[in-house]
PDB file of N, CA and C in Angstrom:
ATOM      1  N   GLU A   1       3.037   1.783 -27.047  1.00  0.00           N
ATOM      2  CA  GLU A   1       2.348   3.017 -26.743  1.00  0.00           C
ATOM      3  C   GLU A   1       0.968   3.064 -27.385  1.00  0.00           C
ATOM      4  N   GLU A   2       0.480   1.947 -27.813  1.00  0.00           N
ATOM      5  CA  GLU A   2      -0.864   1.877 -28.365  1.00  0.00           C
ATOM      6  C   GLU A   2      -1.883   2.199 -27.278  1.00  0.00           C
ATOM      7  N   ASN A   3      -2.938   2.925 -27.639  1.00  0.00           N
ATOM      8  CA  ASN A   3      -3.993   3.328 -26.708  1.00  0.00           C
ATOM      9  C   ASN A   3      -3.470   4.185 -25.565  1.00  0.00           C
ATOM     10  N   ASN A   4      -2.415   4.940 -25.823  1.00  0.00           N
ATOM     11  CA  ASN A   4      -1.861   5.850 -24.817  1.00  0.00           C
ATOM     12  C   ASN A   4      -1.334   5.124 -23.581  1.00  0.00           C
ATOM     13  N   ILE A   5      -0.799   3.931 -23.759  1.00  0.00           N
ATOM     14  CA  ILE A   5      -0.261   3.144 -22.651  1.00  0.00           C
ATOM     15  C   ILE A   5       1.234   2.977 -22.853  1.00  0.00           C
ATOM     16  N   ASP A   6       2.008   3.345 -21.848  1.00  0.00           N
ATOM     17  CA  ASP A   6       3.449   3.118 -21.873  1.00  0.00           C
ATOM     18  C   ASP A   6       3.767   1.878 -21.053  1.00  0.00           C
ATOM     19  N   VAL A   7       4.641   1.054 -21.559  1.00  0.00           N
ATOM     20  CA  VAL A   7       5.125  -0.105 -20.821  1.00  0.00           C
ATOM     21  C   VAL A   7       6.567   0.175 -20.445  1.00  0.00           C
ATOM     22  N   LEU A   8       6.836   0.138 -19.152  1.00  0.00           N
ATOM     23  CA  LEU A   8       8.196   0.384 -18.682  1.00  0.00           C
ATOM     24  C   LEU A   8       8.891  -0.946 -18.457  1.00  0.00           C
ATOM     25  N   PRO A   9      10.025  -1.161 -19.099  1.00  0.00           N
ATOM     26  CA  PRO A   9      10.744  -2.421 -18.898  1.00  0.00           C
ATOM     27  C   PRO A   9      11.332  -2.492 -17.492  1.00  0.00           C
ATOM     28  N   VAL A  10      11.423  -3.690 -16.971  1.00  0.00           N
ATOM     29  CA  VAL A  10      12.035  -3.899 -15.660  1.00  0.00           C
ATOM     30  C   VAL A  10      13.506  -4.203 -15.888  1.00  0.00           C
ATOM     31  N   ASN A  11      14.337  -3.221 -15.606  1.00  0.00           N
ATOM     32  CA  ASN A  11      15.777  -3.393 -15.752  1.00  0.00           C
ATOM     33  C   ASN A  11      16.366  -3.936 -14.463  1.00  0.00           C
ATOM     34  N   LYS A  12      17.537  -4.533 -14.565  1.00  0.00           N
ATOM     35  CA  LYS A  12      18.148  -5.133 -13.380  1.00  0.00           C
ATOM     36  C   LYS A  12      18.483  -4.105 -12.304  1.00  0.00           C
ATOM     37  N   ASP A  13      18.569  -2.819 -12.666  1.00  0.00           N
ATOM     38  CA  ASP A  13      18.906  -1.809 -11.665  1.00  0.00           C
ATOM     39  C   ASP A  13      17.735  -1.473 -10.737  1.00  0.00           C
ATOM     40  N   ILE A  14      16.512  -1.933 -11.050  1.00  0.00           N
ATOM     41  CA  ILE A  14      15.405  -1.701 -10.122  1.00  0.00           C
ATOM     42  C   ILE A  14      14.963  -2.985  -9.421  1.00  0.00           C
ATOM     43  N   VAL A  15      15.732  -4.046  -9.585  1.00  0.00           N
ATOM     44  CA  VAL A  15      15.424  -5.312  -8.924  1.00  0.00           C
ATOM     45  C   VAL A  15      16.378  -5.498  -7.757  1.00  0.00           C
ATOM     46  N   GLU A  16      15.801  -5.798  -6.599  1.00  0.00           N
ATOM     47  CA  GLU A  16      16.623  -6.121  -5.435  1.00  0.00           C
ATOM     48  C   GLU A  16      16.318  -7.561  -5.040  1.00  0.00           C
ATOM     49  N   SER A  17      17.000  -8.070  -4.047  1.00  0.00           N
ATOM     50  CA  SER A  17      16.859  -9.483  -3.695  1.00  0.00           C
ATOM     51  C   SER A  17      15.434  -9.853  -3.281  1.00  0.00           C
ATOM     52  N   THR A  18      14.681  -8.900  -2.755  1.00  0.00           N
ATOM     53  CA  THR A  18      13.318  -9.188  -2.303  1.00  0.00           C
ATOM     54  C   THR A  18      12.257  -8.814  -3.330  1.00  0.00           C
ATOM     55  N   GLY A  19      12.663  -8.365  -4.493  1.00  0.00           N
ATOM     56  CA  GLY A  19      11.702  -7.972  -5.522  1.00  0.00           C
ATOM     57  C   GLY A  19      12.111  -6.669  -6.169  1.00  0.00           C
ATOM     58  N   LEU A  20      11.135  -5.872  -6.547  1.00  0.00           N
ATOM     59  CA  LEU A  20      11.416  -4.594  -7.196  1.00  0.00           C
ATOM     60  C   LEU A  20      11.730  -3.520  -6.158  1.00  0.00           C
ATOM     61  N   ASP A  21      12.630  -2.624  -6.504  1.00  0.00           N
ATOM     62  CA  ASP A  21      12.987  -1.506  -5.629  1.00  0.00           C
ATOM     63  C   ASP A  21      11.920  -0.422  -5.787  1.00  0.00           C
ATOM     64  N   ILE A  22      11.035  -0.364  -4.833  1.00  0.00           N
ATOM     65  CA  ILE A  22       9.890   0.547  -4.912  1.00  0.00           C
ATOM     66  C   ILE A  22      10.328   1.995  -5.009  1.00  0.00           C
ATOM     67  N   LEU A  23      11.329   2.378  -4.245  1.00  0.00           N
ATOM     68  CA  LEU A  23      11.785   3.772  -4.273  1.00  0.00           C
ATOM     69  C   LEU A  23      12.286   4.168  -5.657  1.00  0.00           C
ATOM     70  N   LYS A  24      13.019   3.274  -6.315  1.00  0.00           N
ATOM     71  CA  LYS A  24      13.500   3.568  -7.669  1.00  0.00           C
ATOM     72  C   LYS A  24      12.338   3.672  -8.658  1.00  0.00           C
ATOM     73  N   ILE A  25      11.348   2.810  -8.496  1.00  0.00           N
ATOM     74  CA  ILE A  25      10.182   2.860  -9.384  1.00  0.00           C
ATOM     75  C   ILE A  25       9.433   4.177  -9.206  1.00  0.00           C
ATOM     76  N   ILE A  26       9.260   4.605  -7.968  1.00  0.00           N
ATOM     77  CA  ILE A  26       8.572   5.872  -7.700  1.00  0.00           C
ATOM     78  C   ILE A  26       9.348   7.035  -8.313  1.00  0.00           C
ATOM     79  N   LYS A  27      10.661   7.007  -8.195  1.00  0.00           N
ATOM     80  CA  LYS A  27      11.479   8.075  -8.787  1.00  0.00           C
ATOM     81  C   LYS A  27      11.347   8.096 -10.309  1.00  0.00           C
ATOM     82  N   ILE A  28      11.307   6.927 -10.928  1.00  0.00           N
ATOM     83  CA  ILE A  28      11.137   6.841 -12.384  1.00  0.00           C
ATOM     84  C   ILE A  28       9.774   7.401 -12.791  1.00  0.00           C
ATOM     85  N   LEU A  29       8.732   7.032 -12.053  1.00  0.00           N
ATOM     86  CA  LEU A  29       7.387   7.534 -12.373  1.00  0.00           C
ATOM     87  C   LEU A  29       7.312   9.048 -12.247  1.00  0.00           C
ATOM     88  N   TYR A  30       7.995   9.594 -11.255  1.00  0.00           N
ATOM     89  CA  TYR A  30       7.987  11.049 -11.096  1.00  0.00           C
ATOM     90  C   TYR A  30       8.788  11.725 -12.213  1.00  0.00           C
ATOM     91  N   LYS A  31       9.991  11.192 -12.466  1.00  0.00           N
ATOM     92  CA  LYS A  31      10.873  11.810 -13.463  1.00  0.00           C
ATOM     93  C   LYS A  31      10.269  11.747 -14.871  1.00  0.00           C
ATOM     94  N   LYS A  32       9.701  10.601 -15.228  1.00  0.00           N
ATOM     95  CA  LYS A  32       9.193  10.411 -16.587  1.00  0.00           C
ATOM     96  C   LYS A  32       7.791  10.992 -16.786  1.00  0.00           C
ATOM     97  N   TYR A  33       6.939  10.904 -15.756  1.00  0.00           N
ATOM     98  CA  TYR A  33       5.531  11.288 -15.917  1.00  0.00           C
ATOM     99  C   TYR A  33       5.057  12.346 -14.916  1.00  0.00           C
ATOM    100  N   GLU A  34       5.931  12.789 -14.031  1.00  0.00           N
ATOM    101  CA  GLU A  34       5.589  13.751 -12.973  1.00  0.00           C
ATOM    102  C   GLU A  34       4.453  13.244 -12.087  1.00  0.00           C
ATOM    103  N   ILE A  35       4.422  11.942 -11.860  1.00  0.00           N
ATOM    104  CA  ILE A  35       3.410  11.336 -10.989  1.00  0.00           C
ATOM    105  C   ILE A  35       3.810  11.585  -9.541  1.00  0.00           C
ATOM    106  N   THR A  36       2.893  12.168  -8.784  1.00  0.00           N
ATOM    107  CA  THR A  36       3.171  12.476  -7.378  1.00  0.00           C
ATOM    108  C   THR A  36       2.241  11.731  -6.424  1.00  0.00           C
ATOM    109  N   SER A  37       1.313  10.955  -6.974  1.00  0.00           N
ATOM    110  CA  SER A  37       0.365  10.231  -6.138  1.00  0.00           C
ATOM    111  C   SER A  37       0.054   8.891  -6.794  1.00  0.00           C
ATOM    112  N   ILE A  38       0.001   7.845  -5.974  1.00  0.00           N
ATOM    113  CA  ILE A  38      -0.273   6.498  -6.478  1.00  0.00           C
ATOM    114  C   ILE A  38      -1.403   5.899  -5.650  1.00  0.00           C
ATOM    115  N   LEU A  39      -2.389   5.331  -6.320  1.00  0.00           N
ATOM    116  CA  LEU A  39      -3.450   4.597  -5.644  1.00  0.00           C
ATOM    117  C   LEU A  39      -3.063   3.125  -5.645  1.00  0.00           C
ATOM    118  N   LEU A  40      -2.939   2.552  -4.469  1.00  0.00           N
ATOM    119  CA  LEU A  40      -2.604   1.135  -4.358  1.00  0.00           C
ATOM    120  C   LEU A  40      -3.844   0.345  -3.977  1.00  0.00           C
ATOM    121  N   GLU A  41      -4.169  -0.623  -4.771  1.00  0.00           N
ATOM    122  CA  GLU A  41      -5.166  -1.616  -4.396  1.00  0.00           C
ATOM    123  C   GLU A  41      -4.446  -2.935  -4.594  1.00  0.00           C
ATOM    124  N   CYS A  42      -3.939  -3.469  -3.496  1.00  0.00           N
ATOM    125  CA  CYS A  42      -2.978  -4.561  -3.643  1.00  0.00           C
ATOM    126  C   CYS A  42      -3.086  -5.555  -2.497  1.00  0.00           C
ATOM    127  N   GLY A  43      -2.247  -6.550  -2.572  1.00  0.00           N
ATOM    128  CA  GLY A  43      -2.190  -7.568  -1.543  1.00  0.00           C
ATOM    129  C   GLY A  43      -1.246  -7.184  -0.418  1.00  0.00           C
ATOM    130  N   PRO A  44      -1.090  -8.087   0.527  1.00  0.00           N
ATOM    131  CA  PRO A  44      -0.315  -7.786   1.727  1.00  0.00           C
ATOM    132  C   PRO A  44       1.166  -7.519   1.480  1.00  0.00           C
ATOM    133  N   ALA A  45       1.786  -8.168   0.522  1.00  0.00           N
ATOM    134  CA  ALA A  45       3.225  -7.974   0.302  1.00  0.00           C
ATOM    135  C   ALA A  45       3.531  -6.563  -0.180  1.00  0.00           C
ATOM    136  N   LEU A  46       2.784  -6.084  -1.159  1.00  0.00           N
ATOM    137  CA  LEU A  46       3.060  -4.752  -1.707  1.00  0.00           C
ATOM    138  C   LEU A  46       2.709  -3.648  -0.712  1.00  0.00           C
ATOM    139  N   ILE A  47       1.556  -3.765  -0.051  1.00  0.00           N
ATOM    140  CA  ILE A  47       1.177  -2.728   0.909  1.00  0.00           C
ATOM    141  C   ILE A  47       2.175  -2.679   2.065  1.00  0.00           C
ATOM    142  N   THR A  48       2.674  -3.832   2.480  1.00  0.00           N
ATOM    143  CA  THR A  48       3.666  -3.875   3.558  1.00  0.00           C
ATOM    144  C   THR A  48       4.969  -3.237   3.112  1.00  0.00           C
ATOM    145  N   SER A  49       5.378  -3.465   1.873  1.00  0.00           N
ATOM    146  CA  SER A  49       6.602  -2.840   1.356  1.00  0.00           C
ATOM    147  C   SER A  49       6.494  -1.321   1.379  1.00  0.00           C
ATOM    148  N   PHE A  50       5.361  -0.794   0.954  1.00  0.00           N
ATOM    149  CA  PHE A  50       5.160   0.660   0.980  1.00  0.00           C
ATOM    150  C   PHE A  50       5.107   1.181   2.410  1.00  0.00           C
ATOM    151  N   LEU A  51       4.437   0.447   3.281  1.00  0.00           N
ATOM    152  CA  LEU A  51       4.292   0.880   4.669  1.00  0.00           C
ATOM    153  C   LEU A  51       5.630   0.879   5.403  1.00  0.00           C
ATOM    154  N   LYS A  52       6.441  -0.149   5.185  1.00  0.00           N
ATOM    155  CA  LYS A  52       7.763  -0.213   5.826  1.00  0.00           C
ATOM    156  C   LYS A  52       8.662   0.938   5.389  1.00  0.00           C
ATOM    157  N   ARG A  53       8.443   1.451   4.188  1.00  0.00           N
ATOM    158  CA  ARG A  53       9.257   2.557   3.667  1.00  0.00           C
ATOM    159  C   ARG A  53       8.617   3.922   3.944  1.00  0.00           C
ATOM    160  N   ASN A  54       7.554   3.906   4.746  1.00  0.00           N
ATOM    161  CA  ASN A  54       6.874   5.146   5.128  1.00  0.00           C
ATOM    162  C   ASN A  54       6.359   5.907   3.899  1.00  0.00           C
ATOM    163  N   LEU A  55       5.830   5.184   2.924  1.00  0.00           N
ATOM    164  CA  LEU A  55       5.389   5.775   1.664  1.00  0.00           C
ATOM    165  C   LEU A  55       3.873   5.914   1.552  1.00  0.00           C
ATOM    166  N   ILE A  56       3.171   5.675   2.641  1.00  0.00           N
ATOM    167  CA  ILE A  56       1.714   5.781   2.601  1.00  0.00           C
ATOM    168  C   ILE A  56       1.283   6.969   3.438  1.00  0.00           C
ATOM    169  N   ASP A  57       0.493   7.857   2.833  1.00  0.00           N
ATOM    170  CA  ASP A  57       0.022   9.012   3.597  1.00  0.00           C
ATOM    171  C   ASP A  57      -1.489   8.999   3.809  1.00  0.00           C
ATOM    172  N   LYS A  58      -2.179   8.010   3.219  1.00  0.00           N
ATOM    173  CA  LYS A  58      -3.630   7.918   3.422  1.00  0.00           C
ATOM    174  C   LYS A  58      -4.079   6.477   3.201  1.00  0.00           C
ATOM    175  N   PHE A  59      -4.965   6.011   4.066  1.00  0.00           N
ATOM    176  CA  PHE A  59      -5.577   4.698   3.921  1.00  0.00           C
ATOM    177  C   PHE A  59      -7.070   4.870   3.690  1.00  0.00           C
ATOM    178  N   VAL A  60      -7.623   4.030   2.836  1.00  0.00           N
ATOM    179  CA  VAL A  60      -9.072   3.893   2.732  1.00  0.00           C
ATOM    180  C   VAL A  60      -9.349   2.409   2.961  1.00  0.00           C
ATOM    181  N   PHE A  61      -9.856   2.110   4.146  1.00  0.00           N
ATOM    182  CA  PHE A  61     -10.149   0.728   4.520  1.00  0.00           C
ATOM    183  C   PHE A  61     -11.612   0.425   4.237  1.00  0.00           C
ATOM    184  N   TYR A  62     -11.861  -0.744   3.694  1.00  0.00           N
ATOM    185  CA  TYR A  62     -13.220  -1.231   3.499  1.00  0.00           C
ATOM    186  C   TYR A  62     -13.364  -2.509   4.313  1.00  0.00           C
ATOM    187  N   PHE A  63     -14.332  -2.530   5.204  1.00  0.00           N
ATOM    188  CA  PHE A  63     -14.561  -3.695   6.051  1.00  0.00           C
ATOM    189  C   PHE A  63     -15.939  -4.275   5.770  1.00  0.00           C
ATOM    190  N   ALA A  64     -15.959  -5.563   5.478  1.00  0.00           N
ATOM    191  CA  ALA A  64     -17.211  -6.294   5.333  1.00  0.00           C
ATOM    192  C   ALA A  64     -17.444  -7.038   6.648  1.00  0.00           C
ATOM    193  N   PRO A  65     -18.678  -7.354   6.968  1.00  0.00           N
ATOM    194  CA  PRO A  65     -18.949  -8.052   8.221  1.00  0.00           C
ATOM    195  C   PRO A  65     -18.616  -9.544   8.113  1.00  0.00           C
ATOM    196  N   LYS A  66     -17.343  -9.810   7.861  1.00  0.00           N
ATOM    197  CA  LYS A  66     -16.871 -11.189   7.706  1.00  0.00           C
ATOM    198  C   LYS A  66     -15.495 -11.319   8.355  1.00  0.00           C
ATOM    199  N   ILE A  67     -15.189 -12.490   8.866  1.00  0.00           N
ATOM    200  CA  ILE A  67     -13.873 -12.760   9.443  1.00  0.00           C
ATOM    201  C   ILE A  67     -13.301 -13.985   8.750  1.00  0.00           C
ATOM    202  N   ILE A  68     -12.078 -13.835   8.253  1.00  0.00           N
ATOM    203  CA  ILE A  68     -11.339 -14.975   7.716  1.00  0.00           C
ATOM    204  C   ILE A  68      -9.956 -14.935   8.344  1.00  0.00           C
ATOM    205  N   GLY A  69      -9.255 -16.028   8.325  1.00  0.00           N
ATOM    206  CA  GLY A  69      -7.920 -16.060   8.912  1.00  0.00           C
ATOM    207  C   GLY A  69      -7.095 -17.161   8.289  1.00  0.00           C
ATOM    208  N   GLY A  70      -5.814 -17.088   8.547  1.00  0.00           N
ATOM    209  CA  GLY A  70      -4.908 -18.079   8.001  1.00  0.00           C
ATOM    210  C   GLY A  70      -3.765 -17.413   7.268  1.00  0.00           C
ATOM    211  N   ASP A  71      -2.888 -18.213   6.757  1.00  0.00           N
ATOM    212  CA  ASP A  71      -1.730 -17.711   6.027  1.00  0.00           C
ATOM    213  C   ASP A  71      -2.093 -17.695   4.546  1.00  0.00           C
ATOM    214  N   SER A  72      -2.708 -16.583   4.116  1.00  0.00           N
ATOM    215  CA  SER A  72      -3.171 -16.510   2.735  1.00  0.00           C
ATOM    216  C   SER A  72      -3.010 -15.099   2.201  1.00  0.00           C
ATOM    217  N   ASP A  73      -3.357 -14.906   0.947  1.00  0.00           N
ATOM    218  CA  ASP A  73      -3.300 -13.584   0.329  1.00  0.00           C
ATOM    219  C   ASP A  73      -4.411 -12.664   0.809  1.00  0.00           C
ATOM    220  N   TYR A  74      -5.286 -13.152   1.666  1.00  0.00           N
ATOM    221  CA  TYR A  74      -6.385 -12.329   2.152  1.00  0.00           C
ATOM    222  C   TYR A  74      -6.028 -11.542   3.409  1.00  0.00           C
ATOM    223  N   ASN A  75      -4.834 -11.737   3.938  1.00  0.00           N
ATOM    224  CA  ASN A  75      -4.404 -10.952   5.090  1.00  0.00           C
ATOM    225  C   ASN A  75      -4.198  -9.512   4.655  1.00  0.00           C
ATOM    226  N   MET A  76      -4.390  -8.577   5.580  1.00  0.00           N
ATOM    227  CA  MET A  76      -4.245  -7.170   5.228  1.00  0.00           C
ATOM    228  C   MET A  76      -2.780  -6.799   5.012  1.00  0.00           C
ATOM    229  N   PHE A  77      -1.888  -7.293   5.874  1.00  0.00           N
ATOM    230  CA  PHE A  77      -0.470  -6.961   5.783  1.00  0.00           C
ATOM    231  C   PHE A  77       0.366  -8.226   5.899  1.00  0.00           C
ATOM    232  N   SER A  78       1.589  -8.160   5.365  1.00  0.00           N
ATOM    233  CA  SER A  78       2.571  -9.209   5.612  1.00  0.00           C
ATOM    234  C   SER A  78       3.274  -8.854   6.915  1.00  0.00           C
ATOM    235  N   ASP A  79       4.406  -9.463   7.170  1.00  0.00           N
ATOM    236  CA  ASP A  79       5.133  -9.224   8.420  1.00  0.00           C
ATOM    237  C   ASP A  79       5.714  -7.815   8.442  1.00  0.00           C
ATOM    238  N   LEU A  80       5.131  -6.967   9.272  1.00  0.00           N
ATOM    239  CA  LEU A  80       5.633  -5.598   9.431  1.00  0.00           C
ATOM    240  C   LEU A  80       6.786  -5.532  10.424  1.00  0.00           C
ATOM    241  N   GLY A  81       7.016  -6.611  11.156  1.00  0.00           N
ATOM    242  CA  GLY A  81       8.064  -6.596  12.172  1.00  0.00           C
ATOM    243  C   GLY A  81       7.663  -5.774  13.389  1.00  0.00           C
ATOM    244  N   ILE A  82       6.387  -5.560  13.572  1.00  0.00           N
ATOM    245  CA  ILE A  82       5.882  -4.795  14.718  1.00  0.00           C
ATOM    246  C   ILE A  82       5.133  -5.765  15.619  1.00  0.00           C
ATOM    247  N   ASN A  83       5.671  -5.972  16.810  1.00  0.00           N
ATOM    248  CA  ASN A  83       5.083  -6.945  17.720  1.00  0.00           C
ATOM    249  C   ASN A  83       4.613  -6.340  19.033  1.00  0.00           C
ATOM    250  N   LYS A  84       4.825  -5.045  19.212  1.00  0.00           N
ATOM    251  CA  LYS A  84       4.442  -4.394  20.461  1.00  0.00           C
ATOM    252  C   LYS A  84       3.595  -3.169  20.151  1.00  0.00           C
ATOM    253  N   ILE A  85       2.607  -2.921  21.000  1.00  0.00           N
ATOM    254  CA  ILE A  85       1.724  -1.764  20.818  1.00  0.00           C
ATOM    255  C   ILE A  85       2.532  -0.477  20.770  1.00  0.00           C
ATOM    256  N   LYS A  86       3.558  -0.366  21.592  1.00  0.00           N
ATOM    257  CA  LYS A  86       4.352   0.874  21.635  1.00  0.00           C
ATOM    258  C   LYS A  86       5.072   1.145  20.317  1.00  0.00           C
ATOM    259  N   ASP A  87       5.263   0.123  19.499  1.00  0.00           N
ATOM    260  CA  ASP A  87       5.933   0.278  18.207  1.00  0.00           C
ATOM    261  C   ASP A  87       4.944   0.384  17.043  1.00  0.00           C
ATOM    262  N   SER A  88       3.674   0.360  17.349  1.00  0.00           N
ATOM    263  CA  SER A  88       2.650   0.315  16.300  1.00  0.00           C
ATOM    264  C   SER A  88       2.618   1.595  15.468  1.00  0.00           C
ATOM    265  N   ILE A  89       2.011   1.493  14.319  1.00  0.00           N
ATOM    266  CA  ILE A  89       1.789   2.654  13.452  1.00  0.00           C
ATOM    267  C   ILE A  89       0.445   3.249  13.862  1.00  0.00           C
ATOM    268  N   ASP A  90       0.475   4.447  14.396  1.00  0.00           N
ATOM    269  CA  ASP A  90      -0.752   5.094  14.849  1.00  0.00           C
ATOM    270  C   ASP A  90      -1.466   5.750  13.675  1.00  0.00           C
ATOM    271  N   LEU A  91      -2.779   5.693  13.711  1.00  0.00           N
ATOM    272  CA  LEU A  91      -3.605   6.275  12.659  1.00  0.00           C
ATOM    273  C   LEU A  91      -4.545   7.323  13.245  1.00  0.00           C
ATOM    274  N   ARG A  92      -4.877   8.293  12.414  1.00  0.00           N
ATOM    275  CA  ARG A  92      -5.918   9.274  12.753  1.00  0.00           C
ATOM    276  C   ARG A  92      -7.087   9.011  11.814  1.00  0.00           C
ATOM    277  N   PHE A  93      -8.226   8.636  12.398  1.00  0.00           N
ATOM    278  CA  PHE A  93      -9.422   8.407  11.589  1.00  0.00           C
ATOM    279  C   PHE A  93     -10.031   9.744  11.217  1.00  0.00           C
ATOM    280  N   GLU A  94     -10.274   9.930   9.921  1.00  0.00           N
ATOM    281  CA  GLU A  94     -10.893  11.170   9.472  1.00  0.00           C
ATOM    282  C   GLU A  94     -12.370  10.989   9.154  1.00  0.00           C
ATOM    283  N   ASN A  95     -12.711   9.849   8.594  1.00  0.00           N
ATOM    284  CA  ASN A  95     -14.082   9.644   8.171  1.00  0.00           C
ATOM    285  C   ASN A  95     -14.428   8.172   8.320  1.00  0.00           C
ATOM    286  N   ILE A  96     -15.552   7.903   8.931  1.00  0.00           N
ATOM    287  CA  ILE A  96     -16.064   6.541   9.057  1.00  0.00           C
ATOM    288  C   ILE A  96     -17.481   6.557   8.504  1.00  0.00           C
ATOM    289  N   LYS A  97     -17.731   5.702   7.517  1.00  0.00           N
ATOM    290  CA  LYS A  97     -19.032   5.726   6.845  1.00  0.00           C
ATOM    291  C   LYS A  97     -19.526   4.299   6.638  1.00  0.00           C
ATOM    292  N   ARG A  98     -20.799   4.125   6.818  1.00  0.00           N
ATOM    293  CA  ARG A  98     -21.418   2.836   6.552  1.00  0.00           C
ATOM    294  C   ARG A  98     -21.997   2.846   5.143  1.00  0.00           C
ATOM    295  N   ILE A  99     -21.667   1.812   4.377  1.00  0.00           N
ATOM    296  CA  ILE A  99     -22.188   1.652   3.017  1.00  0.00           C
ATOM    297  C   ILE A  99     -22.849   0.279   2.969  1.00  0.00           C
ATOM    298  N   GLY A 100     -24.161   0.255   3.051  1.00  0.00           N
ATOM    299  CA  GLY A 100     -24.857  -1.023   3.152  1.00  0.00           C
ATOM    300  C   GLY A 100     -24.447  -1.703   4.443  1.00  0.00           C
ATOM    301  N   SER A 101     -23.972  -2.927   4.352  1.00  0.00           N
ATOM    302  CA  SER A 101     -23.507  -3.630   5.553  1.00  0.00           C
ATOM    303  C   SER A 101     -22.001  -3.465   5.765  1.00  0.00           C
ATOM    304  N   ASP A 102     -21.328  -2.758   4.861  1.00  0.00           N
ATOM    305  CA  ASP A 102     -19.880  -2.542   4.969  1.00  0.00           C
ATOM    306  C   ASP A 102     -19.574  -1.216   5.660  1.00  0.00           C
ATOM    307  N   ILE A 103     -18.330  -1.079   6.083  1.00  0.00           N
ATOM    308  CA  ILE A 103     -17.857   0.160   6.698  1.00  0.00           C
ATOM    309  C   ILE A 103     -16.612   0.619   5.954  1.00  0.00           C
ATOM    310  N   THR A 104     -16.546   1.915   5.662  1.00  0.00           N
ATOM    311  CA  THR A 104     -15.371   2.529   5.047  1.00  0.00           C
ATOM    312  C   THR A 104     -14.750   3.471   6.061  1.00  0.00           C
ATOM    313  N   ILE A 105     -13.434   3.357   6.217  1.00  0.00           N
ATOM    314  CA  ILE A 105     -12.701   4.242   7.125  1.00  0.00           C
ATOM    315  C   ILE A 105     -11.580   4.909   6.349  1.00  0.00           C
ATOM    316  N   ILE A 106     -11.546   6.233   6.397  1.00  0.00           N
ATOM    317  CA  ILE A 106     -10.422   6.983   5.841  1.00  0.00           C
ATOM    318  C   ILE A 106      -9.531   7.349   7.016  1.00  0.00           C
ATOM    319  N   ALA A 107      -8.258   6.979   6.921  1.00  0.00           N
ATOM    320  CA  ALA A 107      -7.329   7.186   8.029  1.00  0.00           C
ATOM    321  C   ALA A 107      -5.979   7.649   7.503  1.00  0.00           C
ATOM    322  N   TYR A 108      -5.288   8.400   8.353  1.00  0.00           N
ATOM    323  CA  TYR A 108      -3.966   8.915   8.007  1.00  0.00           C
ATOM    324  C   TYR A 108      -2.958   8.447   9.043  1.00  0.00           C
ATOM    325  N   PRO A 109      -1.805   7.947   8.601  1.00  0.00           N
ATOM    326  CA  PRO A 109      -0.775   7.562   9.567  1.00  0.00           C
ATOM    327  C   PRO A 109      -0.197   8.801  10.245  1.00  0.00           C
ATOM    328  N   LEU A 110       0.018   8.702  11.538  1.00  0.00           N
ATOM    329  CA  LEU A 110       0.664   9.777  12.283  1.00  0.00           C
ATOM    330  C   LEU A 110       2.159   9.526  12.229  1.00  0.00           C
ATOM    331  N   LYS A 111       2.890  10.511  11.803  1.00  0.00           N
ATOM    332  CA  LYS A 111       4.342  10.316  11.640  1.00  0.00           C
ATOM    333  C   LYS A 111       5.101  11.110  12.657  1.00  0.00           C
TER     334      LYS A 111
END
């Protein structure tokens, strides 16, 4: 608890076969700290886990004028299991802003 930092141990009850049980972690954060909002800046595996569990209520996308591809950590999402447009996650764009040569989009998933 030095510098006002708490370290939460990872107990076996929050580990599942695919990694950490996100729902249990969120419940612990709420119960112990009354945290009701989490900012995620993460890679494709974690964002996909939250998205599959319908735990995201706002996106802030940053796009640079660059294209990369391949099977790497630079992909936006891992396998969402969505292969058809009719099954896609629809978004409502609220704000689109240009910052230098980049574009920022604030979007909300439609549920």
